[in-house]
Each structure stands twice: as structure tokens, then as C-alpha cells.
C-alpha atoms as a PDB file:
ATOM      1  CA  MET A   1      -5.129  12.652 -13.034  1.00  0.00           C
ATOM      2  CA  THR A   2      -7.710  14.325 -10.856  1.00  0.00           C
ATOM      3  CA  ARG A   3      -6.814  13.797  -7.318  1.00  0.00           C
ATOM      4  CA  PRO A   4      -4.040  14.796  -4.877  1.00  0.00           C
ATOM      5  CA  HIS A   5      -1.297  13.655  -7.320  1.00  0.00           C
ATOM      6  CA  ASP A   6      -2.648  16.123 -10.025  1.00  0.00           C
ATOM      7  CA  MET A   7      -0.377  18.960  -8.846  1.00  0.00           C
ATOM      8  CA  GLY A   8       0.696  20.815 -12.076  1.00  0.00           C
ATOM      9  CA  GLY A   9       0.066  24.536 -11.759  1.00  0.00           C
ATOM     10  CA  ARG A  10      -1.436  24.303  -8.192  1.00  0.00           C
ATOM     11  CA  TYR A  11      -0.635  27.080  -5.820  1.00  0.00           C
ATOM     12  CA  GLY A  12       0.776  26.572  -2.212  1.00  0.00           C
ATOM     13  CA  ASP A  13       3.152  23.700  -2.935  1.00  0.00           C
ATOM     14  CA  GLY A  14       6.323  25.643  -3.418  1.00  0.00           C
ATOM     15  CA  PRO A  15       8.573  25.740  -6.324  1.00  0.00           C
ATOM     16  CA  VAL A  16      10.000  22.838  -8.208  1.00  0.00           C
ATOM     17  CA  VAL A  17      13.721  22.657  -7.508  1.00  0.00           C
ATOM     18  CA  PRO A  18      15.801  20.570 -10.015  1.00  0.00           C
ATOM     19  CA  GLU A  19      18.432  18.410  -8.607  1.00  0.00           C
ATOM     20  CA  PRO A  20      21.847  17.318 -10.089  1.00  0.00           C
ATOM     21  CA  GLU A  21      21.539  13.814 -11.547  1.00  0.00           C
ATOM     22  CA  GLU A  22      24.020  12.539  -9.078  1.00  0.00           C
ATOM     23  CA  GLU A  23      21.807  13.417  -6.031  1.00  0.00           C
ATOM     24  CA  ARG A  24      18.684  11.374  -7.251  1.00  0.00           C
ATOM     25  CA  PHE A  25      19.063   9.132  -4.195  1.00  0.00           C
ATOM     26  CA  HIS A  26      19.145  10.691  -0.918  1.00  0.00           C
ATOM     27  CA  ALA A  27      19.408   7.515   1.163  1.00  0.00           C
ATOM     28  CA  ASP A  28      20.643   4.164   0.626  1.00  0.00           C
ATOM     29  CA  TRP A  29      17.164   2.575   0.839  1.00  0.00           C
ATOM     30  CA  HIS A  30      16.051   4.725  -1.999  1.00  0.00           C
ATOM     31  CA  ARG A  31      18.478   2.692  -4.357  1.00  0.00           C
ATOM     32  CA  ARG A  32      16.936  -0.521  -2.836  1.00  0.00           C
ATOM     33  CA  ALA A  33      13.331   0.847  -3.367  1.00  0.00           C
ATOM     34  CA  LEU A  34      13.911   1.298  -7.154  1.00  0.00           C
ATOM     35  CA  ALA A  35      15.676  -2.044  -7.507  1.00  0.00           C
ATOM     36  CA  VAL A  36      12.930  -3.929  -5.576  1.00  0.00           C
ATOM     37  CA  THR A  37      10.206  -2.142  -7.599  1.00  0.00           C
ATOM     38  CA  LEU A  38      11.903  -2.970 -10.995  1.00  0.00           C
ATOM     39  CA  ALA A  39      12.463  -6.713  -9.828  1.00  0.00           C
ATOM     40  CA  SER A  40       8.832  -6.988  -8.718  1.00  0.00           C
ATOM     41  CA  GLY A  41       7.584  -5.570 -11.997  1.00  0.00           C
ATOM     42  CA  ALA A  42       9.686  -8.174 -13.902  1.00  0.00           C
ATOM     43  CA  HIS A  43       7.241 -10.929 -12.818  1.00  0.00           C
ATOM     44  CA  GLY A  44       4.787  -9.578 -15.455  1.00  0.00           C
ATOM     45  CA  LYS A  45       1.828  -9.121 -13.109  1.00  0.00           C
ATOM     46  CA  TRP A  46       1.231  -5.477 -13.919  1.00  0.00           C
ATOM     47  CA  ASN A  47       2.176  -2.788 -16.192  1.00  0.00           C
ATOM     48  CA  ILE A  48       3.492   0.839 -16.029  1.00  0.00           C
ATOM     49  CA  ASP A  49      -0.030   2.083 -16.058  1.00  0.00           C
ATOM     50  CA  VAL A  50      -1.133  -0.099 -13.426  1.00  0.00           C
ATOM     51  CA  SER A  51       1.788   0.773 -11.213  1.00  0.00           C
ATOM     52  CA  ARG A  52       1.056   4.535 -11.719  1.00  0.00           C
ATOM     53  CA  HIS A  53      -2.488   4.059 -10.733  1.00  0.00           C
ATOM     54  CA  ALA A  54      -1.481   2.079  -7.610  1.00  0.00           C
ATOM     55  CA  ARG A  55       0.399   5.243  -6.503  1.00  0.00           C
ATOM     56  CA  GLU A  56      -2.527   7.312  -7.319  1.00  0.00           C
ATOM     57  CA  ARG A  57      -4.788   5.242  -5.191  1.00  0.00           C
ATOM     58  CA  LEU A  58      -2.857   5.851  -2.035  1.00  0.00           C
ATOM     59  CA  ALA A  59      -4.971   7.559   0.579  1.00  0.00           C
ATOM     60  CA  PRO A  60      -4.793  11.331   0.133  1.00  0.00           C
ATOM     61  CA  MET A  61      -3.190  12.019   3.708  1.00  0.00           C
ATOM     62  CA  ASP A  62      -0.463   9.292   3.046  1.00  0.00           C
ATOM     63  CA  TYR A  63       0.207  10.557  -0.590  1.00  0.00           C
ATOM     64  CA  ALA A  64       0.638  14.217   0.979  1.00  0.00           C
ATOM     65  CA  ARG A  65       2.959  13.125   3.779  1.00  0.00           C
ATOM     66  CA  PHE A  66       5.009  10.328   1.990  1.00  0.00           C
ATOM     67  CA  SER A  67       8.304  11.032   0.315  1.00  0.00           C
ATOM     68  CA  TYR A  68       8.813   9.979  -3.263  1.00  0.00           C
ATOM     69  CA  TYR A  69      10.204   6.511  -2.638  1.00  0.00           C
ATOM     70  CA  GLU A  70       7.876   6.020   0.172  1.00  0.00           C
ATOM     71  CA  LYS A  71       4.852   6.341  -2.227  1.00  0.00           C
ATOM     72  CA  TRP A  72       6.615   3.754  -4.494  1.00  0.00           C
ATOM     73  CA  MET A  73       7.042   1.300  -1.673  1.00  0.00           C
ATOM     74  CA  ALA A  74       3.444   1.732  -0.421  1.00  0.00           C
ATOM     75  CA  ALA A  75       2.046   1.259  -3.854  1.00  0.00           C
ATOM     76  CA  LEU A  76       4.293  -1.666  -4.531  1.00  0.00           C
ATOM     77  CA  ALA A  77       2.993  -3.328  -1.203  1.00  0.00           C
ATOM     78  CA  ASP A  78      -0.618  -2.999  -2.546  1.00  0.00           C
ATOM     79  CA  LEU A  79       0.335  -4.576  -5.879  1.00  0.00           C
ATOM     80  CA  LEU A  80       2.150  -7.431  -4.398  1.00  0.00           C
ATOM     81  CA  ALA A  81      -0.747  -8.330  -2.231  1.00  0.00           C
ATOM     82  CA  GLU A  82      -3.384  -7.725  -4.900  1.00  0.00           C
ATOM     83  CA  THR A  83      -1.742  -9.855  -7.312  1.00  0.00           C
ATOM     84  CA  GLY A  84      -0.919 -12.646  -4.983  1.00  0.00           C
ATOM     85  CA  LEU A  85       2.896 -12.527  -5.357  1.00  0.00           C
ATOM     86  CA  VAL A  86       3.101 -11.815  -1.525  1.00  0.00           C
ATOM     87  CA  SER A  87       0.552 -12.089   1.005  1.00  0.00           C
ATOM     88  CA  ARG A  88      -0.240  -9.367   3.510  1.00  0.00           C
ATOM     89  CA  ALA A  89       0.754 -11.698   6.307  1.00  0.00           C
ATOM     90  CA  GLU A  90       4.221 -12.217   4.572  1.00  0.00           C
ATOM     91  CA  LEU A  91       4.572  -8.419   4.134  1.00  0.00           C
ATOM     92  CA  ALA A  92       3.806  -8.055   7.833  1.00  0.00           C
ATOM     93  CA  GLY A  93       6.496 -10.608   8.760  1.00  0.00           C
ATOM     94  CA  GLU A  94       3.952 -13.098  10.342  1.00  0.00           C
ATOM     95  CA  LEU A  95       5.034 -15.873   7.760  1.00  0.00           C
ATOM     96  CA  PRO A  96       8.405 -17.108   6.458  1.00  0.00           C
ATOM     97  CA  GLU A  97       9.654 -15.239   3.376  1.00  0.00           C
ATOM     98  CA  PRO A  98       8.080 -16.521   0.129  1.00  0.00           C
ATOM     99  CA  GLN A  99      10.026 -18.861  -2.076  1.00  0.00           C
ATOM    100  CA  GLU A 100      11.896 -17.427  -4.982  1.00  0.00           C
ATOM    101  CA  MET A 101       9.909 -17.555  -8.349  1.00  0.00           C
ATOM    102  CA  ALA A 102      12.686 -19.131 -10.604  1.00  0.00           C
ATOM    103  CA  GLY A 103      10.830 -18.614 -13.860  1.00  0.00           C
ATOM    104  CA  SER A 104      10.511 -14.847 -13.506  1.00  0.00           C
ATOM    105  CA  THR A 105      13.058 -13.656 -11.100  1.00  0.00           C
ATOM    106  CA  LEU A 106      15.207 -10.801 -12.519  1.00  0.00           C
ATOM    107  CA  ARG A 107      18.867 -11.690 -11.877  1.00  0.00           C
ATOM    108  CA  ALA A 108      21.437  -9.040 -11.377  1.00  0.00           C
ATOM    109  CA  GLU A 109      23.340  -9.888 -14.482  1.00  0.00           C
ATOM    110  CA  LYS A 110      20.091  -9.431 -16.666  1.00  0.00           C
ATOM    111  CA  VAL A 111      19.127  -6.064 -15.401  1.00  0.00           C
ATOM    112  CA  ALA A 112      21.166  -3.796 -17.844  1.00  0.00           C
ATOM    113  CA  ALA A 113      19.756  -5.861 -20.847  1.00  0.00           C
ATOM    114  CA  VAL A 114      16.167  -5.580 -19.565  1.00  0.00           C
ATOM    115  CA  LEU A 115      16.419  -1.945 -18.932  1.00  0.00           C
ATOM    116  CA  ALA A 116      18.083  -1.316 -22.329  1.00  0.00           C
ATOM    117  CA  ALA A 117      15.125  -3.423 -24.115  1.00  0.00           C
ATOM    118  CA  GLY A 118      12.486  -1.263 -22.334  1.00  0.00           C
ATOM    119  CA  GLY A 119       8.818  -1.884 -22.877  1.00  0.00           C
ATOM    120  CA  PRO A 120       7.616  -0.082 -26.069  1.00  0.00           C
ATOM    121  CA  ALA A 121       3.995   1.127 -25.802  1.00  0.00           C
ATOM    122  CA  THR A 122       3.425   1.325 -29.565  1.00  0.00           C
ATOM    123  CA  ARG A 123       0.713  -0.857 -30.959  1.00  0.00           C
ATOM    124  CA  PRO A 124      -1.045  -1.288 -34.313  1.00  0.00           C
ATOM    125  CA  SER A 125      -4.481   0.169 -34.568  1.00  0.00           C
ATOM    126  CA  ASP A 126      -7.237   0.903 -37.081  1.00  0.00           C
ATOM    127  CA  ILE A 127      -7.938   4.289 -35.674  1.00  0.00           C
ATOM    128  CA  ARG A 128      -6.555   6.788 -38.165  1.00  0.00           C
ATOM    129  CA  PRO A 129      -4.879  10.063 -36.946  1.00  0.00           C
ATOM    130  CA  ALA A 130      -7.534  12.866 -36.903  1.00  0.00           C
ATOM    131  CA  PHE A 131      -4.854  15.600 -36.596  1.00  0.00           C
ATOM    132  CA  GLN A 132      -1.748  16.620 -38.455  1.00  0.00           C
ATOM    133  CA  PRO A 133       1.216  18.919 -37.108  1.00  0.00           C
ATOM    134  CA  GLY A 134       0.087  22.572 -36.941  1.00  0.00           C
ATOM    135  CA  ASP A 135      -3.642  21.748 -36.371  1.00  0.00           C
ATOM    136  CA  ALA A 136      -5.362  23.685 -33.750  1.00  0.00           C
ATOM    137  CA  VAL A 137      -6.957  21.439 -30.867  1.00  0.00           C
ATOM    138  CA  THR A 138      -8.740  21.820 -27.613  1.00  0.00           C
ATOM    139  CA  THR A 139      -8.514  19.223 -24.836  1.00  0.00           C
ATOM    140  CA  ARG A 140     -11.911  17.930 -23.674  1.00  0.00           C
ATOM    141  CA  ARG A 141     -13.227  19.770 -20.565  1.00  0.00           C
ATOM    142  CA  ILE A 142     -13.566  16.747 -18.596  1.00  0.00           C
ATOM    143  CA  ALA A 143     -10.157  15.513 -17.458  1.00  0.00           C
ATOM    144  CA  ALA A 144     -11.167  12.426 -15.619  1.00  0.00           C
ATOM    145  CA  ASN A 145     -10.967   8.890 -17.096  1.00  0.00           C
ATOM    146  CA  LEU A 146     -14.202   8.183 -18.941  1.00  0.00           C
ATOM    147  CA  LEU A 147     -13.934   4.465 -18.907  1.00  0.00           C
ATOM    148  CA  VAL A 148     -13.573   3.788 -15.201  1.00  0.00           C
ATOM    149  CA  GLU A 149     -14.835   6.291 -12.575  1.00  0.00           C
ATOM    150  CA  GLY A 150     -11.895   7.558 -10.576  1.00  0.00           C
ATOM    151  CA  GLY A 151      -9.531   5.782 -12.828  1.00  0.00           C
ATOM    152  CA  HIS A 152      -6.091   6.579 -14.236  1.00  0.00           C
ATOM    153  CA  THR A 153      -5.629   9.131 -17.060  1.00  0.00           C
ATOM    154  CA  ARG A 154      -2.739  11.052 -18.613  1.00  0.00           C
ATOM    155  CA  LEU A 155      -4.844  14.221 -19.339  1.00  0.00           C
ATOM    156  CA  PRO A 156      -3.849  16.532 -16.431  1.00  0.00           C
ATOM    157  CA  ARG A 157      -6.515  18.590 -14.927  1.00  0.00           C
ATOM    158  CA  TYR A 158      -4.854  21.920 -15.500  1.00  0.00           C
ATOM    159  CA  ALA A 159      -5.021  21.224 -19.354  1.00  0.00           C
ATOM    160  CA  ALA A 160      -8.553  20.423 -19.483  1.00  0.00           C
ATOM    161  CA  GLY A 161     -10.294  22.558 -21.904  1.00  0.00           C
ATOM    162  CA  ALA A 162      -7.253  24.306 -23.097  1.00  0.00           C
ATOM    163  CA  ARG A 163      -6.459  25.292 -26.694  1.00  0.00           C
ATOM    164  CA  GLY A 164      -3.012  24.303 -28.267  1.00  0.00           C
ATOM    165  CA  HIS A 165      -1.862  23.035 -31.521  1.00  0.00           C
ATOM    166  CA  ILE A 166      -0.237  19.619 -32.768  1.00  0.00           C
ATOM    167  CA  LEU A 167       3.588  19.659 -32.778  1.00  0.00           C
ATOM    168  CA  ARG A 168       4.180  16.035 -33.534  1.00  0.00           C
ATOM    169  CA  TYR A 169       2.388  12.680 -34.350  1.00  0.00           C
ATOM    170  CA  HIS A 170       3.846   9.871 -32.344  1.00  0.00           C
ATOM    171  CA  GLY A 171       2.117   6.966 -34.026  1.00  0.00           C
ATOM    172  CA  THR A 172      -0.534   4.680 -32.042  1.00  0.00           C
ATOM    173  CA  HIS A 173       0.135   3.840 -28.520  1.00  0.00           C
ATOM    174  CA  ILE A 174      -1.494   2.081 -25.652  1.00  0.00           C
ATOM    175  CA  LEU A 175      -4.248   4.150 -23.885  1.00  0.00           C
ATOM    176  CA  PRO A 176      -3.414   4.392 -20.270  1.00  0.00           C
ATOM    177  CA  ASP A 177      -7.114   4.939 -19.392  1.00  0.00           C
ATOM    178  CA  SER A 178      -7.737   1.455 -20.449  1.00  0.00           C
ATOM    179  CA  SER A 179      -4.423  -0.316 -19.837  1.00  0.00           C
ATOM    180  CA  ALA A 180      -4.269   0.745 -16.147  1.00  0.00           C
ATOM    181  CA  HIS A 181      -7.503  -1.249 -15.485  1.00  0.00           C
ATOM    182  CA  SER A 182      -6.801  -4.429 -17.490  1.00  0.00           C
ATOM    183  CA  LEU A 183      -9.272  -3.269 -20.185  1.00  0.00           C
ATOM    184  CA  GLY A 184      -6.958  -3.939 -22.985  1.00  0.00           C
ATOM    185  CA  ASP A 185      -4.506  -1.905 -24.917  1.00  0.00           C
ATOM    186  CA  ALA A 186      -7.188   0.183 -26.793  1.00  0.00           C
ATOM    187  CA  ALA A 187      -4.217   1.825 -28.791  1.00  0.00           C
ATOM    188  CA  GLU A 188      -4.954   5.159 -30.404  1.00  0.00           C
ATOM    189  CA  PRO A 189      -2.926   7.982 -32.004  1.00  0.00           C
ATOM    190  CA  LEU A 190      -0.764  10.015 -29.599  1.00  0.00           C
ATOM    191  CA  TYR A 191       0.325  13.447 -30.226  1.00  0.00           C
ATOM    192  CA  ALA A 192       2.823  16.040 -28.746  1.00  0.00           C
ATOM    193  CA  VAL A 193       0.698  19.078 -28.285  1.00  0.00           C
ATOM    194  CA  VAL A 194       1.969  22.751 -27.540  1.00  0.00           C
ATOM    195  CA  PHE A 195       0.075  25.036 -25.152  1.00  0.00           C
ATOM    196  CA  PRO A 196       0.939  28.665 -24.303  1.00  0.00           C
ATOM    197  CA  ALA A 197       1.329  29.049 -20.553  1.00  0.00           C
ATOM    198  CA  ALA A 198      -1.276  31.785 -20.661  1.00  0.00           C
ATOM    199  CA  GLU A 199      -3.692  29.194 -21.962  1.00  0.00           C
ATOM    200  CA  LEU A 200      -3.134  26.919 -19.082  1.00  0.00           C
ATOM    201  CA  TRP A 201      -3.085  29.303 -16.077  1.00  0.00           C
ATOM    202  CA  ALA A 202      -4.669  32.515 -15.321  1.00  0.00           C
ATOM    203  CA  HIS A 203      -1.387  34.261 -13.946  1.00  0.00           C
ATOM    204  CA  PRO A 204       1.649  32.562 -15.518  1.00  0.00           C
ATOM    205  CA  GLU A 205       4.945  33.877 -14.334  1.00  0.00           C
ATOM    206  CA  HIS A 206       6.182  33.672 -17.847  1.00  0.00           C
ATOM    207  CA  PRO A 207       3.127  34.077 -20.142  1.00  0.00           C
ATOM    208  CA  GLY A 208       5.359  33.552 -23.179  1.00  0.00           C
ATOM    209  CA  ASP A 209       6.439  30.052 -22.118  1.00  0.00           C
ATOM    210  CA  GLU A 210       4.961  26.975 -23.708  1.00  0.00           C
ATOM    211  CA  VAL A 211       4.199  23.536 -22.339  1.00  0.00           C
ATOM    212  CA  VAL A 212       4.319  20.344 -24.465  1.00  0.00           C
ATOM    213  CA  LEU A 213       2.105  17.465 -23.374  1.00  0.00           C
ATOM    214  CA  ASP A 214       1.710  14.072 -25.063  1.00  0.00           C
ATOM    215  CA  LEU A 215      -1.914  13.446 -25.386  1.00  0.00           C
ATOM    216  CA  TRP A 216      -4.091  10.634 -26.862  1.00  0.00           C
ATOM    217  CA  GLN A 217      -6.486  11.393 -29.626  1.00  0.00           C
ATOM    218  CA  SER A 218      -9.602  10.699 -27.414  1.00  0.00           C
ATOM    219  CA  TYR A 219      -8.558  13.650 -25.289  1.00  0.00           C
ATOM    220  CA  LEU A 220      -8.667  16.082 -28.056  1.00  0.00           C
ATOM    221  CA  VAL A 221     -11.121  17.816 -30.451  1.00  0.00           C
ATOM    222  CA  PRO A 222     -10.673  20.295 -33.270  1.00  0.00           C
ATOM    223  CA  ALA A 223     -10.460  23.911 -32.060  1.00  0.00           C
END
């Protein structure tokens, strides 16, 4: 995450103001945006990493001015067109609405079961864990995706080159840097890593705070 969306710890964007759970939707169309995104994903044309990267690929000016669900809708439109589920002419209303895809349409009565089942990202791997809880580690200094230039990654820029320690080993999980670009699962060990706030930022408001990040083994080196 090295472009406009990598906002962690950046100055000038204002505070993060938590909202009550019941206020997650501020307009009726927000509910529809979530529903359409989930229903479209049920066709199996992309995974969560691909969808995250689609939002990251929005033009910087659009990303800065769009609201949360506007980002979702803009990225979804790109995915629908790129995967051939819907043509750009159909999106523009220049052609009749596409026919229902009976074999993969997510029906309302199946939504609860689908969401409850989830999409586990654990995968078997021959890569053995290099670290144990308590081990001191440092994140690599290059936060960018090393497989695809400008590609998706889950190593935030503010944590690049930071020293922390392993809190927990999660098992082996799909590597987003590969999965987001259809390069395979490339599963590897995933860890919860603890960082002191003072290690991440030069002037943290609360130096004694800690930040826990889930990071893949290829992001880490022994400290």
C-alpha cells in the first residue's frame, strides 16, 4: 500500500472518528452498494485481494474525493467490465440490462449462509515458520509489492523498516501480493507483529501505545 490509500499516520487528514455500529450506513444507497458488491463477488470472478487492489487503482483525484461507498462502486464497475460480467456499454445504460446468470446468482435466502461460511485464506505450504512468539523482527524497508510493480501489498508504508516482535503465529495464509494479481496463492506464514508507536512515528501522541499488524513472513527479517 504505497499510494494515496496508504494513509496510516499521515498528517493533515484529520482524526479518525469512530462511529456507532448502527450508523454504518448514512444513506439508503450505501446498503445497496454493499449488497451489490457482495452479490457480484459471488460470481467467483475475483477474490478479496483483487477487489482491494481495484479500489487502490482508482485515480488519485477520484480516491481523494470519493466517499467510502463511492470508492466501492467505482472499483466494482471496473471489475465488472474487466471480467466481462457486464460491458461498459451496459454500465452506461446504452444496452438492455444483462441476463441473470442462473448458475452463480446469489439469492437473498442464501446470503446469511454464504456470509457465515466466509472465505478462509488459510492454505497448506511447504514454507516453515521462521519466527516464534517473542522473536524480534524488522519489516523490510521496501513496502511496495516486490512481485508486481505498483501492485497490491499488505505491508503499510508507515511500518517499513520498523522493529517489533512476534505476538502470534497465525499459520500459513494466501499472500495478497500474489493473489491480487492472479499469480497463485503463494501461501506463507502469517504473524501478528507488535510495534511500539514510537517505532512507527517520529512524534506519536501516545508513545507508550502499541500497534499490532498481521504481516507475512516475506515482509520480515530477524532484528
